[in-house]
Amino acid sequence: MMGGSAAISDVTFDELKEGLADGSITLVDVREAYEYEAGTIPGAVSMPLSGFDPRALPETGRVVFSCAAGVRSRRAIELSRAAGRDLGEHFAPGFKGWVAAGEAVG
């Protein structure tokens, strides 16, 4: 899945919830700090896109990106791939979708 043309996979609500619960997913929230501080998907780690450094991502495990609505998370994937990381999963509904579904907010 290297390169900008590789597919990006959308992680479902159920996959995300299960992965966060069992620790198999590291959810990386690439919204800006003020957005993250106003509310986030519980368990997400903040890595704002404005200062995003793919070298700071975990080296192992399943990394899934999230933002407000799926645009910035795709950009984070592109930046990660450009830095040589074989990553390609995001939670397309993002934080807005999480809230709209009535899920708990951290």
PDB file of N, CA and C in Angstrom:
ATOM      1  N   MET A   1       0.811  -1.198   0.000  1.00  0.00           N
ATOM      2  CA  MET A   1       0.000   0.000   0.000  1.00  0.00           C
ATOM      3  C   MET A   1       0.851   1.257   0.000  1.00  0.00           C
ATOM      4  N   MET A   2       1.999   1.212  -0.561  1.00  0.00           N
ATOM      5  CA  MET A   2       2.859   2.387  -0.590  1.00  0.00           C
ATOM      6  C   MET A   2       2.435   3.313  -1.717  1.00  0.00           C
ATOM      7  N   GLY A   3       2.699   4.593  -1.523  1.00  0.00           N
ATOM      8  CA  GLY A   3       2.444   5.557  -2.584  1.00  0.00           C
ATOM      9  C   GLY A   3       1.077   6.185  -2.457  1.00  0.00           C
ATOM     10  N   GLY A   4       0.906   7.343  -3.081  1.00  0.00           N
ATOM     11  CA  GLY A   4      -0.315   8.104  -2.971  1.00  0.00           C
ATOM     12  C   GLY A   4      -1.507   7.480  -3.665  1.00  0.00           C
ATOM     13  N   SER A   5      -1.277   6.536  -4.560  1.00  0.00           N
ATOM     14  CA  SER A   5      -2.386   5.958  -5.296  1.00  0.00           C
ATOM     15  C   SER A   5      -2.991   4.744  -4.591  1.00  0.00           C
ATOM     16  N   ALA A   6      -2.394   4.280  -3.527  1.00  0.00           N
ATOM     17  CA  ALA A   6      -2.904   3.121  -2.807  1.00  0.00           C
ATOM     18  C   ALA A   6      -4.241   3.461  -2.148  1.00  0.00           C
ATOM     19  N   ALA A   7      -5.049   2.442  -2.006  1.00  0.00           N
ATOM     20  CA  ALA A   7      -6.382   2.625  -1.434  1.00  0.00           C
ATOM     21  C   ALA A   7      -6.315   3.062   0.026  1.00  0.00           C
ATOM     22  N   ILE A   8      -7.310   3.826   0.405  1.00  0.00           N
ATOM     23  CA  ILE A   8      -7.497   4.210   1.799  1.00  0.00           C
ATOM     24  C   ILE A   8      -8.707   3.439   2.303  1.00  0.00           C
ATOM     25  N   SER A   9      -8.550   2.770   3.432  1.00  0.00           N
ATOM     26  CA  SER A   9      -9.614   1.947   3.998  1.00  0.00           C
ATOM     27  C   SER A   9     -10.381   2.719   5.058  1.00  0.00           C
ATOM     28  N   ASP A  10     -11.697   2.609   4.985  1.00  0.00           N
ATOM     29  CA  ASP A  10     -12.560   3.224   5.988  1.00  0.00           C
ATOM     30  C   ASP A  10     -12.842   2.208   7.083  1.00  0.00           C
ATOM     31  N   VAL A  11     -12.506   2.570   8.303  1.00  0.00           N
ATOM     32  CA  VAL A  11     -12.762   1.721   9.464  1.00  0.00           C
ATOM     33  C   VAL A  11     -14.199   1.989   9.923  1.00  0.00           C
ATOM     34  N   THR A  12     -14.956   0.942  10.195  1.00  0.00           N
ATOM     35  CA  THR A  12     -16.345   1.089  10.623  1.00  0.00           C
ATOM     36  C   THR A  12     -16.424   1.465  12.109  1.00  0.00           C
ATOM     37  N   PHE A  13     -17.603   1.913  12.521  1.00  0.00           N
ATOM     38  CA  PHE A  13     -17.839   2.205  13.934  1.00  0.00           C
ATOM     39  C   PHE A  13     -17.498   0.989  14.786  1.00  0.00           C
ATOM     40  N   ASP A  14     -18.013  -0.174  14.390  1.00  0.00           N
ATOM     41  CA  ASP A  14     -17.802  -1.382  15.186  1.00  0.00           C
ATOM     42  C   ASP A  14     -16.327  -1.756  15.269  1.00  0.00           C
ATOM     43  N   GLU A  15     -15.611  -1.678  14.135  1.00  0.00           N
ATOM     44  CA  GLU A  15     -14.173  -1.973  14.138  1.00  0.00           C
ATOM     45  C   GLU A  15     -13.437  -1.028  15.086  1.00  0.00           C
ATOM     46  N   LEU A  16     -13.779   0.265  14.989  1.00  0.00           N
ATOM     47  CA  LEU A  16     -13.106   1.258  15.821  1.00  0.00           C
ATOM     48  C   LEU A  16     -13.388   1.020  17.298  1.00  0.00           C
ATOM     49  N   LYS A  17     -14.644   0.823  17.637  1.00  0.00           N
ATOM     50  CA  LYS A  17     -14.996   0.615  19.037  1.00  0.00           C
ATOM     51  C   LYS A  17     -14.315  -0.627  19.606  1.00  0.00           C
ATOM     52  N   GLU A  18     -14.302  -1.710  18.822  1.00  0.00           N
ATOM     53  CA  GLU A  18     -13.667  -2.951  19.271  1.00  0.00           C
ATOM     54  C   GLU A  18     -12.157  -2.755  19.429  1.00  0.00           C
ATOM     55  N   GLY A  19     -11.533  -2.103  18.447  1.00  0.00           N
ATOM     56  CA  GLY A  19     -10.087  -1.878  18.498  1.00  0.00           C
ATOM     57  C   GLY A  19      -9.654  -0.970  19.627  1.00  0.00           C
ATOM     58  N   LEU A  20     -10.471   0.040  19.924  1.00  0.00           N
ATOM     59  CA  LEU A  20     -10.159   0.912  21.056  1.00  0.00           C
ATOM     60  C   LEU A  20     -10.337   0.160  22.369  1.00  0.00           C
ATOM     61  N   ALA A  21     -11.376  -0.657  22.431  1.00  0.00           N
ATOM     62  CA  ALA A  21     -11.650  -1.414  23.661  1.00  0.00           C
ATOM     63  C   ALA A  21     -10.569  -2.442  23.959  1.00  0.00           C
ATOM     64  N   ASP A  22     -10.065  -3.122  22.911  1.00  0.00           N
ATOM     65  CA  ASP A  22      -9.071  -4.173  23.166  1.00  0.00           C
ATOM     66  C   ASP A  22      -7.628  -3.704  22.987  1.00  0.00           C
ATOM     67  N   GLY A  23      -7.464  -2.411  22.648  1.00  0.00           N
ATOM     68  CA  GLY A  23      -6.121  -1.849  22.538  1.00  0.00           C
ATOM     69  C   GLY A  23      -5.404  -2.159  21.235  1.00  0.00           C
ATOM     70  N   SER A  24      -6.118  -2.745  20.260  1.00  0.00           N
ATOM     71  CA  SER A  24      -5.453  -3.104  19.009  1.00  0.00           C
ATOM     72  C   SER A  24      -5.348  -1.926  18.033  1.00  0.00           C
ATOM     73  N   ILE A  25      -6.092  -0.849  18.298  1.00  0.00           N
ATOM     74  CA  ILE A  25      -6.051   0.339  17.444  1.00  0.00           C
ATOM     75  C   ILE A  25      -5.529   1.528  18.226  1.00  0.00           C
ATOM     76  N   THR A  26      -4.595   2.261  17.601  1.00  0.00           N
ATOM     77  CA  THR A  26      -4.207   3.576  18.096  1.00  0.00           C
ATOM     78  C   THR A  26      -4.923   4.571  17.201  1.00  0.00           C
ATOM     79  N   LEU A  27      -5.884   5.298  17.776  1.00  0.00           N
ATOM     80  CA  LEU A  27      -6.640   6.288  17.021  1.00  0.00           C
ATOM     81  C   LEU A  27      -5.916   7.625  17.123  1.00  0.00           C
ATOM     82  N   VAL A  28      -5.484   8.146  15.968  1.00  0.00           N
ATOM     83  CA  VAL A  28      -4.741   9.401  15.913  1.00  0.00           C
ATOM     84  C   VAL A  28      -5.679  10.487  15.400  1.00  0.00           C
ATOM     85  N   ASP A  29      -6.008  11.427  16.274  1.00  0.00           N
ATOM     86  CA  ASP A  29      -6.902  12.541  15.953  1.00  0.00           C
ATOM     87  C   ASP A  29      -6.051  13.685  15.416  1.00  0.00           C
ATOM     88  N   VAL A  30      -6.233  14.027  14.134  1.00  0.00           N
ATOM     89  CA  VAL A  30      -5.396  15.052  13.511  1.00  0.00           C
ATOM     90  C   VAL A  30      -6.072  16.427  13.467  1.00  0.00           C
ATOM     91  N   ARG A  31      -7.174  16.578  14.207  1.00  0.00           N
ATOM     92  CA  ARG A  31      -7.777  17.908  14.322  1.00  0.00           C
ATOM     93  C   ARG A  31      -6.846  18.800  15.143  1.00  0.00           C
ATOM     94  N   GLU A  32      -7.080  20.086  15.086  1.00  0.00           N
ATOM     95  CA  GLU A  32      -6.247  21.015  15.843  1.00  0.00           C
ATOM     96  C   GLU A  32      -6.495  20.859  17.344  1.00  0.00           C
ATOM     97  N   ALA A  33      -5.534  21.301  18.154  1.00  0.00           N
ATOM     98  CA  ALA A  33      -5.584  21.101  19.604  1.00  0.00           C
ATOM     99  C   ALA A  33      -6.867  21.659  20.221  1.00  0.00           C
ATOM    100  N   TYR A  34      -7.303  22.836  19.770  1.00  0.00           N
ATOM    101  CA  TYR A  34      -8.516  23.419  20.353  1.00  0.00           C
ATOM    102  C   TYR A  34      -9.748  22.564  20.049  1.00  0.00           C
ATOM    103  N   GLU A  35      -9.756  21.885  18.889  1.00  0.00           N
ATOM    104  CA  GLU A  35     -10.865  20.998  18.545  1.00  0.00           C
ATOM    105  C   GLU A  35     -10.837  19.753  19.432  1.00  0.00           C
ATOM    106  N   TYR A  36      -9.649  19.196  19.593  1.00  0.00           N
ATOM    107  CA  TYR A  36      -9.461  18.008  20.425  1.00  0.00           C
ATOM    108  C   TYR A  36      -9.868  18.303  21.868  1.00  0.00           C
ATOM    109  N   GLU A  37      -9.444  19.459  22.368  1.00  0.00           N
ATOM    110  CA  GLU A  37      -9.744  19.826  23.760  1.00  0.00           C
ATOM    111  C   GLU A  37     -11.232  20.052  23.979  1.00  0.00           C
ATOM    112  N   ALA A  38     -11.963  20.430  22.935  1.00  0.00           N
ATOM    113  CA  ALA A  38     -13.405  20.660  23.052  1.00  0.00           C
ATOM    114  C   ALA A  38     -14.192  19.355  23.087  1.00  0.00           C
ATOM    115  N   GLY A  39     -13.560  18.262  22.688  1.00  0.00           N
ATOM    116  CA  GLY A  39     -14.205  16.959  22.707  1.00  0.00           C
ATOM    117  C   GLY A  39     -13.529  16.028  21.722  1.00  0.00           C
ATOM    118  N   THR A  40     -13.431  14.770  22.107  1.00  0.00           N
ATOM    119  CA  THR A  40     -12.749  13.803  21.252  1.00  0.00           C
ATOM    120  C   THR A  40     -13.346  12.417  21.425  1.00  0.00           C
ATOM    121  N   ILE A  41     -13.024  11.537  20.510  1.00  0.00           N
ATOM    122  CA  ILE A  41     -13.394  10.134  20.647  1.00  0.00           C
ATOM    123  C   ILE A  41     -12.523   9.574  21.780  1.00  0.00           C
ATOM    124  N   PRO A  42     -13.138   9.020  22.823  1.00  0.00           N
ATOM    125  CA  PRO A  42     -12.354   8.525  23.950  1.00  0.00           C
ATOM    126  C   PRO A  42     -11.259   7.549  23.512  1.00  0.00           C
ATOM    127  N   GLY A  43     -10.056   7.796  23.985  1.00  0.00           N
ATOM    128  CA  GLY A  43      -8.919   6.946  23.660  1.00  0.00           C
ATOM    129  C   GLY A  43      -8.055   7.472  22.536  1.00  0.00           C
ATOM    130  N   ALA A  44      -8.522   8.501  21.829  1.00  0.00           N
ATOM    131  CA  ALA A  44      -7.740   9.068  20.729  1.00  0.00           C
ATOM    132  C   ALA A  44      -6.555   9.867  21.256  1.00  0.00           C
ATOM    133  N   VAL A  45      -5.469   9.864  20.484  1.00  0.00           N
ATOM    134  CA  VAL A  45      -4.311  10.683  20.803  1.00  0.00           C
ATOM    135  C   VAL A  45      -4.266  11.852  19.822  1.00  0.00           C
ATOM    136  N   SER A  46      -3.879  13.003  20.319  1.00  0.00           N
ATOM    137  CA  SER A  46      -3.867  14.224  19.509  1.00  0.00           C
ATOM    138  C   SER A  46      -2.535  14.405  18.787  1.00  0.00           C
ATOM    139  N   MET A  47      -2.613  14.550  17.459  1.00  0.00           N
ATOM    140  CA  MET A  47      -1.457  14.874  16.624  1.00  0.00           C
ATOM    141  C   MET A  47      -1.949  15.817  15.535  1.00  0.00           C
ATOM    142  N   PRO A  48      -2.131  17.110  15.864  1.00  0.00           N
ATOM    143  CA  PRO A  48      -2.715  18.057  14.905  1.00  0.00           C
ATOM    144  C   PRO A  48      -1.996  18.051  13.550  1.00  0.00           C
ATOM    145  N   LEU A  49      -2.783  18.101  12.492  1.00  0.00           N
ATOM    146  CA  LEU A  49      -2.237  18.067  11.141  1.00  0.00           C
ATOM    147  C   LEU A  49      -1.303  19.242  10.883  1.00  0.00           C
ATOM    148  N   SER A  50      -1.552  20.381  11.523  1.00  0.00           N
ATOM    149  CA  SER A  50      -0.720  21.564  11.286  1.00  0.00           C
ATOM    150  C   SER A  50       0.734  21.347  11.674  1.00  0.00           C
ATOM    151  N   GLY A  51       0.988  20.418  12.586  1.00  0.00           N
ATOM    152  CA  GLY A  51       2.357  20.111  12.989  1.00  0.00           C
ATOM    153  C   GLY A  51       2.656  18.631  12.869  1.00  0.00           C
ATOM    154  N   PHE A  52       1.942  17.961  11.988  1.00  0.00           N
ATOM    155  CA  PHE A  52       1.996  16.504  11.889  1.00  0.00           C
ATOM    156  C   PHE A  52       3.374  16.000  11.484  1.00  0.00           C
ATOM    157  N   ASP A  53       3.876  15.035  12.245  1.00  0.00           N
ATOM    158  CA  ASP A  53       5.165  14.417  11.962  1.00  0.00           C
ATOM    159  C   ASP A  53       4.983  12.900  11.976  1.00  0.00           C
ATOM    160  N   PRO A  54       4.956  12.283  10.802  1.00  0.00           N
ATOM    161  CA  PRO A  54       4.751  10.826  10.748  1.00  0.00           C
ATOM    162  C   PRO A  54       5.775  10.033  11.555  1.00  0.00           C
ATOM    163  N   ARG A  55       6.947  10.600  11.797  1.00  0.00           N
ATOM    164  CA  ARG A  55       7.974   9.897  12.582  1.00  0.00           C
ATOM    165  C   ARG A  55       7.547   9.722  14.026  1.00  0.00           C
ATOM    166  N   ALA A  56       6.565  10.507  14.483  1.00  0.00           N
ATOM    167  CA  ALA A  56       6.097  10.410  15.867  1.00  0.00           C
ATOM    168  C   ALA A  56       5.004   9.360  16.050  1.00  0.00           C
ATOM    169  N   LEU A  57       4.572   8.744  14.960  1.00  0.00           N
ATOM    170  CA  LEU A  57       3.538   7.713  15.047  1.00  0.00           C
ATOM    171  C   LEU A  57       4.113   6.432  15.648  1.00  0.00           C
ATOM    172  N   PRO A  58       3.254   5.629  16.284  1.00  0.00           N
ATOM    173  CA  PRO A  58       3.729   4.338  16.799  1.00  0.00           C
ATOM    174  C   PRO A  58       4.314   3.496  15.664  1.00  0.00           C
ATOM    175  N   GLU A  59       5.377   2.776  15.958  1.00  0.00           N
ATOM    176  CA  GLU A  59       6.039   1.939  14.959  1.00  0.00           C
ATOM    177  C   GLU A  59       5.322   0.614  14.743  1.00  0.00           C
ATOM    178  N   THR A  60       4.554   0.193  15.726  1.00  0.00           N
ATOM    179  CA  THR A  60       3.859  -1.084  15.631  1.00  0.00           C
ATOM    180  C   THR A  60       2.380  -0.893  15.929  1.00  0.00           C
ATOM    181  N   GLY A  61       1.614  -1.905  15.605  1.00  0.00           N
ATOM    182  CA  GLY A  61       0.185  -1.858  15.871  1.00  0.00           C
ATOM    183  C   GLY A  61      -0.589  -1.212  14.735  1.00  0.00           C
ATOM    184  N   ARG A  62      -1.865  -1.154  14.917  1.00  0.00           N
ATOM    185  CA  ARG A  62      -2.784  -0.638  13.900  1.00  0.00           C
ATOM    186  C   ARG A  62      -3.065   0.837  14.177  1.00  0.00           C
ATOM    187  N   VAL A  63      -2.628   1.694  13.275  1.00  0.00           N
ATOM    188  CA  VAL A  63      -2.846   3.132  13.399  1.00  0.00           C
ATOM    189  C   VAL A  63      -4.018   3.517  12.506  1.00  0.00           C
ATOM    190  N   VAL A  64      -5.002   4.183  13.107  1.00  0.00           N
ATOM    191  CA  VAL A  64      -6.169   4.667  12.377  1.00  0.00           C
ATOM    192  C   VAL A  64      -6.264   6.166  12.612  1.00  0.00           C
ATOM    193  N   PHE A  65      -6.455   6.911  11.534  1.00  0.00           N
ATOM    194  CA  PHE A  65      -6.551   8.369  11.642  1.00  0.00           C
ATOM    195  C   PHE A  65      -8.003   8.813  11.721  1.00  0.00           C
ATOM    196  N   SER A  66      -8.211   9.937  12.407  1.00  0.00           N
ATOM    197  CA  SER A  66      -9.529  10.529  12.519  1.00  0.00           C
ATOM    198  C   SER A  66      -9.381  12.043  12.539  1.00  0.00           C
ATOM    199  N   CYS A  67     -10.417  12.738  12.045  1.00  0.00           N
ATOM    200  CA  CYS A  67     -10.457  14.197  12.113  1.00  0.00           C
ATOM    201  C   CYS A  67     -11.907  14.588  12.362  1.00  0.00           C
ATOM    202  N   ALA A  68     -12.332  15.718  11.837  1.00  0.00           N
ATOM    203  CA  ALA A  68     -13.724  16.120  12.035  1.00  0.00           C
ATOM    204  C   ALA A  68     -14.671  15.348  11.131  1.00  0.00           C
ATOM    205  N   ALA A  69     -14.295  15.215   9.843  1.00  0.00           N
ATOM    206  CA  ALA A  69     -15.219  14.592   8.893  1.00  0.00           C
ATOM    207  C   ALA A  69     -14.529  13.817   7.780  1.00  0.00           C
ATOM    208  N   GLY A  70     -13.261  13.439   7.953  1.00  0.00           N
ATOM    209  CA  GLY A  70     -12.613  12.553   7.001  1.00  0.00           C
ATOM    210  C   GLY A  70     -11.687  13.173   5.975  1.00  0.00           C
ATOM    211  N   VAL A  71     -11.538  14.489   5.967  1.00  0.00           N
ATOM    212  CA  VAL A  71     -10.663  15.137   4.987  1.00  0.00           C
ATOM    213  C   VAL A  71      -9.217  15.193   5.480  1.00  0.00           C
ATOM    214  N   ARG A  72      -9.014  15.711   6.676  1.00  0.00           N
ATOM    215  CA  ARG A  72      -7.653  15.820   7.215  1.00  0.00           C
ATOM    216  C   ARG A  72      -7.043  14.465   7.514  1.00  0.00           C
ATOM    217  N   SER A  73      -7.876  13.479   7.866  1.00  0.00           N
ATOM    218  CA  SER A  73      -7.338  12.135   8.120  1.00  0.00           C
ATOM    219  C   SER A  73      -6.767  11.542   6.835  1.00  0.00           C
ATOM    220  N   ARG A  74      -7.405  11.813   5.706  1.00  0.00           N
ATOM    221  CA  ARG A  74      -6.853  11.356   4.422  1.00  0.00           C
ATOM    222  C   ARG A  74      -5.513  12.040   4.141  1.00  0.00           C
ATOM    223  N   ARG A  75      -5.408  13.306   4.469  1.00  0.00           N
ATOM    224  CA  ARG A  75      -4.156  14.039   4.265  1.00  0.00           C
ATOM    225  C   ARG A  75      -3.059  13.456   5.160  1.00  0.00           C
ATOM    226  N   ALA A  76      -3.394  13.092   6.382  1.00  0.00           N
ATOM    227  CA  ALA A  76      -2.411  12.484   7.294  1.00  0.00           C
ATOM    228  C   ALA A  76      -1.897  11.166   6.725  1.00  0.00           C
ATOM    229  N   ILE A  77      -2.777  10.404   6.083  1.00  0.00           N
ATOM    230  CA  ILE A  77      -2.360   9.160   5.446  1.00  0.00           C
ATOM    231  C   ILE A  77      -1.371   9.474   4.325  1.00  0.00           C
ATOM    232  N   GLU A  78      -1.701  10.454   3.490  1.00  0.00           N
ATOM    233  CA  GLU A  78      -0.805  10.845   2.395  1.00  0.00           C
ATOM    234  C   GLU A  78       0.565  11.260   2.921  1.00  0.00           C
ATOM    235  N   LEU A  79       0.588  12.062   3.982  1.00  0.00           N
ATOM    236  CA  LEU A  79       1.854  12.514   4.568  1.00  0.00           C
ATOM    237  C   LEU A  79       2.636  11.340   5.151  1.00  0.00           C
ATOM    238  N   SER A  80       1.938  10.415   5.771  1.00  0.00           N
ATOM    239  CA  SER A  80       2.585   9.239   6.354  1.00  0.00           C
ATOM    240  C   SER A  80       3.210   8.381   5.271  1.00  0.00           C
ATOM    241  N   ARG A  81       2.479   8.177   4.194  1.00  0.00           N
ATOM    242  CA  ARG A  81       3.006   7.387   3.085  1.00  0.00           C
ATOM    243  C   ARG A  81       4.203   8.069   2.437  1.00  0.00           C
ATOM    244  N   ALA A  82       4.148   9.387   2.307  1.00  0.00           N
ATOM    245  CA  ALA A  82       5.274  10.130   1.731  1.00  0.00           C
ATOM    246  C   ALA A  82       6.525   9.978   2.587  1.00  0.00           C
ATOM    247  N   ALA A  83       6.321   9.734   3.895  1.00  0.00           N
ATOM    248  CA  ALA A  83       7.440   9.547   4.822  1.00  0.00           C
ATOM    249  C   ALA A  83       7.853   8.076   4.922  1.00  0.00           C
ATOM    250  N   GLY A  84       7.245   7.227   4.084  1.00  0.00           N
ATOM    251  CA  GLY A  84       7.642   5.827   4.059  1.00  0.00           C
ATOM    252  C   GLY A  84       6.868   4.911   4.980  1.00  0.00           C
ATOM    253  N   ARG A  85       5.796   5.396   5.574  1.00  0.00           N
ATOM    254  CA  ARG A  85       4.971   4.566   6.460  1.00  0.00           C
ATOM    255  C   ARG A  85       3.843   3.930   5.661  1.00  0.00           C
ATOM    256  N   ASP A  86       3.646   2.649   5.811  1.00  0.00           N
ATOM    257  CA  ASP A  86       2.620   1.917   5.078  1.00  0.00           C
ATOM    258  C   ASP A  86       1.314   1.957   5.871  1.00  0.00           C
ATOM    259  N   LEU A  87       0.683   3.119   5.894  1.00  0.00           N
ATOM    260  CA  LEU A  87      -0.558   3.316   6.641  1.00  0.00           C
ATOM    261  C   LEU A  87      -1.665   3.699   5.673  1.00  0.00           C
ATOM    262  N   GLY A  88      -2.884   3.322   5.986  1.00  0.00           N
ATOM    263  CA  GLY A  88      -3.951   3.636   5.063  1.00  0.00           C
ATOM    264  C   GLY A  88      -5.353   3.493   5.611  1.00  0.00           C
ATOM    265  N   GLU A  89      -5.507   3.590   6.940  1.00  0.00           N
ATOM    266  CA  GLU A  89      -6.833   3.441   7.522  1.00  0.00           C
ATOM    267  C   GLU A  89      -7.262   4.727   8.210  1.00  0.00           C
ATOM    268  N   HIS A  90      -8.541   5.079   7.997  1.00  0.00           N
ATOM    269  CA  HIS A  90      -9.082   6.205   8.733  1.00  0.00           C
ATOM    270  C   HIS A  90     -10.542   5.947   9.070  1.00  0.00           C
ATOM    271  N   PHE A  91     -11.015   6.702  10.046  1.00  0.00           N
ATOM    272  CA  PHE A  91     -12.408   6.642  10.464  1.00  0.00           C
ATOM    273  C   PHE A  91     -13.102   7.779   9.729  1.00  0.00           C
ATOM    274  N   ALA A  92     -13.680   7.456   8.561  1.00  0.00           N
ATOM    275  CA  ALA A  92     -14.221   8.465   7.653  1.00  0.00           C
ATOM    276  C   ALA A  92     -15.286   9.376   8.273  1.00  0.00           C
ATOM    277  N   PRO A  93     -16.197   8.874   9.118  1.00  0.00           N
ATOM    278  CA  PRO A  93     -17.197   9.783   9.688  1.00  0.00           C
ATOM    279  C   PRO A  93     -16.580  10.834  10.618  1.00  0.00           C
ATOM    280  N   GLY A  94     -15.407  10.524  11.146  1.00  0.00           N
ATOM    281  CA  GLY A  94     -14.711  11.457  12.027  1.00  0.00           C
ATOM    282  C   GLY A  94     -15.478  11.759  13.298  1.00  0.00           C
ATOM    283  N   PHE A  95     -15.005  12.787  13.979  1.00  0.00           N
ATOM    284  CA  PHE A  95     -15.605  13.169  15.253  1.00  0.00           C
ATOM    285  C   PHE A  95     -17.066  13.566  15.075  1.00  0.00           C
ATOM    286  N   LYS A  96     -17.368  14.280  13.992  1.00  0.00           N
ATOM    287  CA  LYS A  96     -18.752  14.709  13.761  1.00  0.00           C
ATOM    288  C   LYS A  96     -19.675  13.508  13.614  1.00  0.00           C
ATOM    289  N   GLY A  97     -19.235  12.480  12.903  1.00  0.00           N
ATOM    290  CA  GLY A  97     -20.026  11.277  12.748  1.00  0.00           C
ATOM    291  C   GLY A  97     -20.196  10.518  14.046  1.00  0.00           C
ATOM    292  N   TRP A  98     -19.127  10.508  14.845  1.00  0.00           N
ATOM    293  CA  TRP A  98     -19.152   9.852  16.151  1.00  0.00           C
ATOM    294  C   TRP A  98     -20.214  10.500  17.040  1.00  0.00           C
ATOM    295  N   VAL A  99     -20.213  11.834  17.088  1.00  0.00           N
ATOM    296  CA  VAL A  99     -21.173  12.571  17.900  1.00  0.00           C
ATOM    297  C   VAL A  99     -22.593  12.374  17.352  1.00  0.00           C
ATOM    298  N   ALA A 100     -22.757  12.450  16.034  1.00  0.00           N
ATOM    299  CA  ALA A 100     -24.076  12.295  15.407  1.00  0.00           C
ATOM    300  C   ALA A 100     -24.672  10.925  15.703  1.00  0.00           C
ATOM    301  N   ALA A 101     -23.814   9.927  15.903  1.00  0.00           N
ATOM    302  CA  ALA A 101     -24.297   8.573  16.211  1.00  0.00           C
ATOM    303  C   ALA A 101     -24.631   8.406  17.693  1.00  0.00           C
ATOM    304  N   GLY A 102     -24.413   9.462  18.475  1.00  0.00           N
ATOM    305  CA  GLY A 102     -24.750   9.405  19.894  1.00  0.00           C
ATOM    306  C   GLY A 102     -23.704   8.719  20.756  1.00  0.00           C
ATOM    307  N   GLU A 103     -22.491   8.599  20.239  1.00  0.00           N
ATOM    308  CA  GLU A 103     -21.418   7.933  20.997  1.00  0.00           C
ATOM    309  C   GLU A 103     -20.863   8.866  22.084  1.00  0.00           C
ATOM    310  N   ALA A 104     -20.272   8.268  23.095  1.00  0.00           N
ATOM    311  CA  ALA A 104     -19.677   9.045  24.205  1.00  0.00           C
ATOM    312  C   ALA A 104     -18.510   9.870  23.704  1.00  0.00           C
ATOM    313  N   VAL A 105     -18.323  11.020  24.325  1.00  0.00           N
ATOM    314  CA  VAL A 105     -17.251  11.942  23.963  1.00  0.00           C
ATOM    315  C   VAL A 105     -16.337  12.139  25.168  1.00  0.00           C
ATOM    316  N   GLY A 106     -15.030  12.180  24.886  1.00  0.00           N
ATOM    317  CA  GLY A 106     -14.058  12.394  25.955  1.00  0.00           C
ATOM    318  C   GLY A 106     -13.705  13.848  26.085  1.00  0.00           C
TER     319      GLY A 106
END
